Amino acid sequence: MRFIDPDGMSASDFKDKDDNLIIHVNDGSNAVYKLDGTNHTDESFKFVGYNNQGGKDEVSVEGAVAGAQDYVTNNYDKCNQSVNFVGRTYESAAKEEGKTLDNIGIVTGNSTAATIKSDLANKVTPEKSVISAQESAAKGNLVVGAKEGHVVTMTTKTFDITRYNTSGSLIEQKQIVGGKIANVNGSPKLTNIGPGHKNSFQNPTGQPDLIWYSLPRK
């Protein structure tokens, strides 16, 4: 049952290092990604090929970003490491798509939040508003928000997502809505959606002091 799409749509599959399916993103793609790296300082999902699921044999970069964002909100507690994870996954999917990315090195290493914030400010022109950032994210671009001591990524489009444990049992079915903050931090904050949640998807109005930067595919 673990490989049946519960909504009847083809989807990108995300597997752990032992090839267990852990995330299923309904994005119309047959793409398969596998968790790669040794620990939270260098991990990401890497594109490894396609499954014959009735979708398209082409990557959905937006779906790849959604899978990465869902993974870090459930498994990471440091904002900089989560942004770097999403950045590396985004880069892997974009390369398979044949796209190039300017300034992607800002979010693919093991930089601190302060360094990411500084590098974005020095190298990338900020978005004029949250609305313009959301418009860029909706095009499938990686959009990063930064403020003093904290960095986040923005969701791209709305996707239905299914999570599994390593034995194949369903953990959760949910929807990730585009234009929201994929927030990861080490302790509960009042701005998070849901009481006591330290990691969450939240409205950008919850952190109005974020400055947004787009890293588009070309």
Protein backbone atom coordinates (compact mmCIF):
# COMPACT_ATOMS: atom_id res chain seq x y z
CA MET A 1 0.00 0.00 0.00
CA ARG A 2 2.92 2.36 0.59
CA PHE A 3 3.47 3.02 -3.14
CA ILE A 4 -0.15 3.79 -3.97
CA ASP A 5 -0.90 7.47 -4.33
CA PRO A 6 -3.84 8.07 -1.98
CA ASP A 7 -5.22 10.85 -4.17
CA GLY A 8 -4.87 9.05 -7.50
CA MET A 9 -2.25 11.46 -8.82
CA SER A 10 1.32 10.88 -9.89
CA ALA A 11 3.80 12.29 -7.44
CA SER A 12 7.44 12.87 -6.62
CA ASP A 13 8.77 10.30 -4.18
CA PHE A 14 11.33 11.08 -1.49
CA LYS A 15 13.28 8.21 0.04
CA ASP A 16 15.60 7.91 3.01
CA LYS A 17 19.16 6.59 2.79
CA ASP A 18 17.89 3.00 2.94
CA ASP A 19 15.50 3.53 0.00
CA ASN A 20 12.38 3.64 2.18
CA LEU A 21 9.66 5.92 0.84
CA ILE A 22 9.11 8.68 3.42
CA ILE A 23 7.40 11.54 1.53
CA HIS A 24 5.03 11.61 -1.43
CA VAL A 25 4.30 15.01 -3.05
CA ASN A 26 1.40 15.13 -5.54
CA ASP A 27 2.99 17.28 -8.24
CA GLY A 28 2.42 15.30 -11.45
CA SER A 29 6.05 14.19 -11.70
CA ASN A 30 7.57 10.70 -11.72
CA ALA A 31 10.74 12.04 -10.08
CA VAL A 32 12.48 10.16 -7.29
CA TYR A 33 14.76 11.83 -4.73
CA LYS A 34 16.96 10.13 -2.15
CA LEU A 35 18.29 11.53 1.10
CA ASP A 36 22.00 12.16 0.66
CA GLY A 37 24.75 13.36 2.99
CA THR A 38 26.18 12.41 6.36
CA ASN A 39 24.34 14.69 8.81
CA HIS A 40 22.43 17.96 9.12
CA THR A 41 25.42 19.96 7.89
CA ASP A 42 25.37 18.51 4.37
CA GLU A 43 22.15 16.56 3.82
CA SER A 44 19.61 17.11 1.05
CA PHE A 45 17.38 15.22 -1.33
CA LYS A 46 19.21 14.36 -4.55
CA PHE A 47 17.40 13.54 -7.78
CA VAL A 48 18.09 9.89 -8.68
CA GLY A 49 15.67 9.06 -11.51
CA TYR A 50 12.04 8.39 -12.36
CA ASN A 51 9.36 5.87 -11.40
CA ASN A 52 6.67 4.83 -13.86
CA GLN A 53 3.70 6.32 -12.00
CA GLY A 54 1.73 7.73 -14.90
CA GLY A 55 3.07 11.25 -14.56
CA LYS A 56 5.72 13.13 -16.47
CA ASP A 57 9.34 12.05 -16.65
CA GLU A 58 10.45 15.53 -15.73
CA VAL A 59 11.14 17.13 -12.42
CA SER A 60 8.80 19.45 -10.63
CA VAL A 61 11.17 21.87 -8.94
CA GLU A 62 8.25 23.17 -6.91
CA GLY A 63 7.49 19.63 -5.74
CA ALA A 64 11.14 19.09 -4.83
CA VAL A 65 11.14 22.24 -2.70
CA ALA A 66 7.90 21.17 -1.00
CA GLY A 67 9.33 17.75 -0.15
CA ALA A 68 12.47 19.32 1.29
CA GLN A 69 10.49 21.86 3.32
CA ASP A 70 8.23 19.18 4.74
CA TYR A 71 11.24 17.06 5.68
CA VAL A 72 13.11 19.78 7.53
CA THR A 73 10.07 20.96 9.47
CA ASN A 74 9.76 17.41 10.81
CA ASN A 75 13.44 16.57 11.30
CA TYR A 76 15.54 19.72 11.81
CA ASP A 77 15.78 22.28 14.60
CA LYS A 78 18.28 24.79 13.18
CA CYS A 79 17.04 27.34 10.68
CA ASN A 80 20.31 27.72 8.77
CA GLN A 81 20.71 23.97 8.27
CA SER A 82 17.11 23.66 7.08
CA VAL A 83 17.56 26.48 4.54
CA ASN A 84 20.77 24.88 3.27
CA PHE A 85 18.96 21.52 2.96
CA VAL A 86 16.19 23.11 0.90
CA GLY A 87 18.76 25.03 -1.17
CA ARG A 88 20.72 21.90 -2.03
CA THR A 89 17.53 20.03 -2.98
CA TYR A 90 16.41 22.95 -5.13
CA GLU A 91 19.77 22.96 -6.88
CA SER A 92 19.60 19.21 -7.59
CA ALA A 93 16.14 19.47 -9.15
CA ALA A 94 17.03 22.60 -11.13
CA LYS A 95 20.12 20.93 -12.59
CA GLU A 96 18.01 17.99 -13.78
CA GLU A 97 15.70 20.55 -15.36
CA GLY A 98 18.73 22.01 -17.17
CA LYS A 99 18.60 25.36 -15.38
CA THR A 100 21.36 27.49 -13.91
CA LEU A 101 21.16 29.32 -10.60
CA ASP A 102 22.89 32.53 -9.63
CA ASN A 103 24.06 32.92 -6.02
CA ILE A 104 22.85 29.44 -5.09
CA GLY A 105 26.07 28.90 -3.13
CA ILE A 106 24.67 31.19 -0.43
CA VAL A 107 22.24 28.44 0.61
CA THR A 108 24.01 25.19 -0.30
CA GLY A 109 26.88 25.13 2.18
CA ASN A 110 26.87 25.03 5.95
CA SER A 111 26.58 28.75 6.61
CA THR A 112 25.15 30.25 9.77
CA ALA A 113 21.96 32.29 9.66
CA ALA A 114 24.00 35.47 10.08
CA THR A 115 26.23 34.59 7.13
CA ILE A 116 23.27 33.68 4.92
CA LYS A 117 21.60 36.98 5.81
CA SER A 118 24.80 38.95 5.09
CA ASP A 119 25.52 37.18 1.79
CA LEU A 120 21.96 37.67 0.56
CA ALA A 121 22.07 41.37 1.44
CA ASN A 122 25.42 41.82 -0.34
CA LYS A 123 24.72 39.78 -3.47
CA VAL A 124 20.98 39.67 -4.13
CA THR A 125 18.47 42.47 -4.67
CA PRO A 126 15.65 42.06 -2.13
CA GLU A 127 12.04 41.67 -3.16
CA LYS A 128 10.01 44.86 -2.83
CA SER A 129 7.28 43.24 -0.75
CA VAL A 130 5.92 39.97 0.57
CA ILE A 131 3.55 39.92 -2.39
CA SER A 132 6.39 40.12 -4.92
CA ALA A 133 8.21 37.37 -3.01
CA GLN A 134 5.10 35.20 -3.17
CA GLU A 135 4.81 35.84 -6.90
CA SER A 136 8.41 34.75 -7.40
CA ALA A 137 7.90 31.62 -5.28
CA ALA A 138 4.78 30.73 -7.29
CA LYS A 139 6.98 30.62 -10.40
CA GLY A 140 8.98 27.85 -8.74
CA ASN A 141 11.87 29.99 -7.57
CA LEU A 142 13.56 29.45 -4.23
CA VAL A 143 12.69 32.41 -2.03
CA VAL A 144 14.59 32.93 1.23
CA GLY A 145 13.60 35.24 4.06
CA ALA A 146 16.20 36.62 6.44
CA LYS A 147 16.29 38.73 9.57
CA GLU A 148 18.69 39.05 12.46
CA GLY A 149 19.56 35.55 13.63
CA HIS A 150 16.92 33.70 11.60
CA VAL A 151 16.37 32.48 8.03
CA VAL A 152 13.44 30.69 6.40
CA THR A 153 12.22 29.60 2.97
CA MET A 154 8.89 30.31 1.29
CA THR A 155 6.59 27.61 -0.06
CA THR A 156 6.09 27.67 -3.83
CA LYS A 157 2.72 26.18 -4.78
CA THR A 158 -0.01 24.25 -2.99
CA PHE A 159 0.58 20.49 -2.82
CA ASP A 160 -1.00 17.52 -1.11
CA ILE A 161 1.67 15.61 0.80
CA THR A 162 1.76 12.18 2.40
CA ARG A 163 4.36 11.15 4.97
CA TYR A 164 5.34 7.57 5.85
CA ASN A 165 7.52 5.97 8.47
CA THR A 166 10.39 3.73 7.40
CA SER A 167 8.22 0.61 7.58
CA GLY A 168 5.79 2.06 5.04
CA SER A 169 2.94 3.01 7.36
CA LEU A 170 1.16 6.29 6.73
CA ILE A 171 1.97 8.99 9.29
CA GLU A 172 0.20 12.05 7.92
CA GLN A 173 -1.67 13.47 4.97
CA LYS A 174 -1.76 17.23 4.67
CA GLN A 175 -1.62 20.17 2.32
CA ILE A 176 1.21 22.66 2.06
CA VAL A 177 -0.09 26.00 0.83
CA GLY A 178 1.98 28.21 -1.46
CA GLY A 179 3.29 31.57 -0.32
CA LYS A 180 3.78 30.60 3.33
CA ILE A 181 6.85 30.47 5.57
CA ALA A 182 8.51 27.09 6.09
CA ASN A 183 9.78 27.91 9.55
CA VAL A 184 12.34 25.92 11.56
CA ASN A 185 13.77 27.02 14.89
CA GLY A 186 15.09 25.48 18.05
CA SER A 187 12.32 26.49 20.44
CA PRO A 188 8.60 27.33 20.37
CA LYS A 189 7.82 30.90 19.32
CA LEU A 190 4.57 32.82 19.52
CA THR A 191 4.56 33.47 15.77
CA ASN A 192 4.28 29.76 14.94
CA ILE A 193 1.01 28.24 13.81
CA GLY A 194 -0.38 25.98 16.52
CA PRO A 195 0.39 26.08 20.22
CA GLY A 196 3.85 24.92 21.15
CA HIS A 197 5.01 24.23 17.62
CA LYS A 198 8.66 25.05 17.11
CA ASN A 199 8.58 24.10 13.41
CA SER A 200 5.64 25.04 11.24
CA PHE A 201 4.20 26.51 8.07
CA GLN A 202 2.96 29.99 8.89
CA ASN A 203 1.70 33.18 7.34
CA PRO A 204 4.34 35.77 6.35
CA THR A 205 2.51 38.33 8.47
CA GLY A 206 3.76 36.38 11.49
CA GLN A 207 7.30 37.60 10.80
CA PRO A 208 6.91 41.05 9.20
CA ASP A 209 10.59 41.94 9.69
CA LEU A 210 11.83 39.31 7.24
CA ILE A 211 13.53 40.57 4.09
CA TRP A 212 12.85 38.32 1.13
CA TYR A 213 15.28 37.30 -1.61
CA SER A 214 14.66 35.25 -4.76
CA LEU A 215 17.14 32.80 -6.29
CA PRO A 216 15.52 32.16 -9.69
CA ARG A 217 16.18 29.41 -12.22
CA LYS A 218 17.44 30.50 -15.63
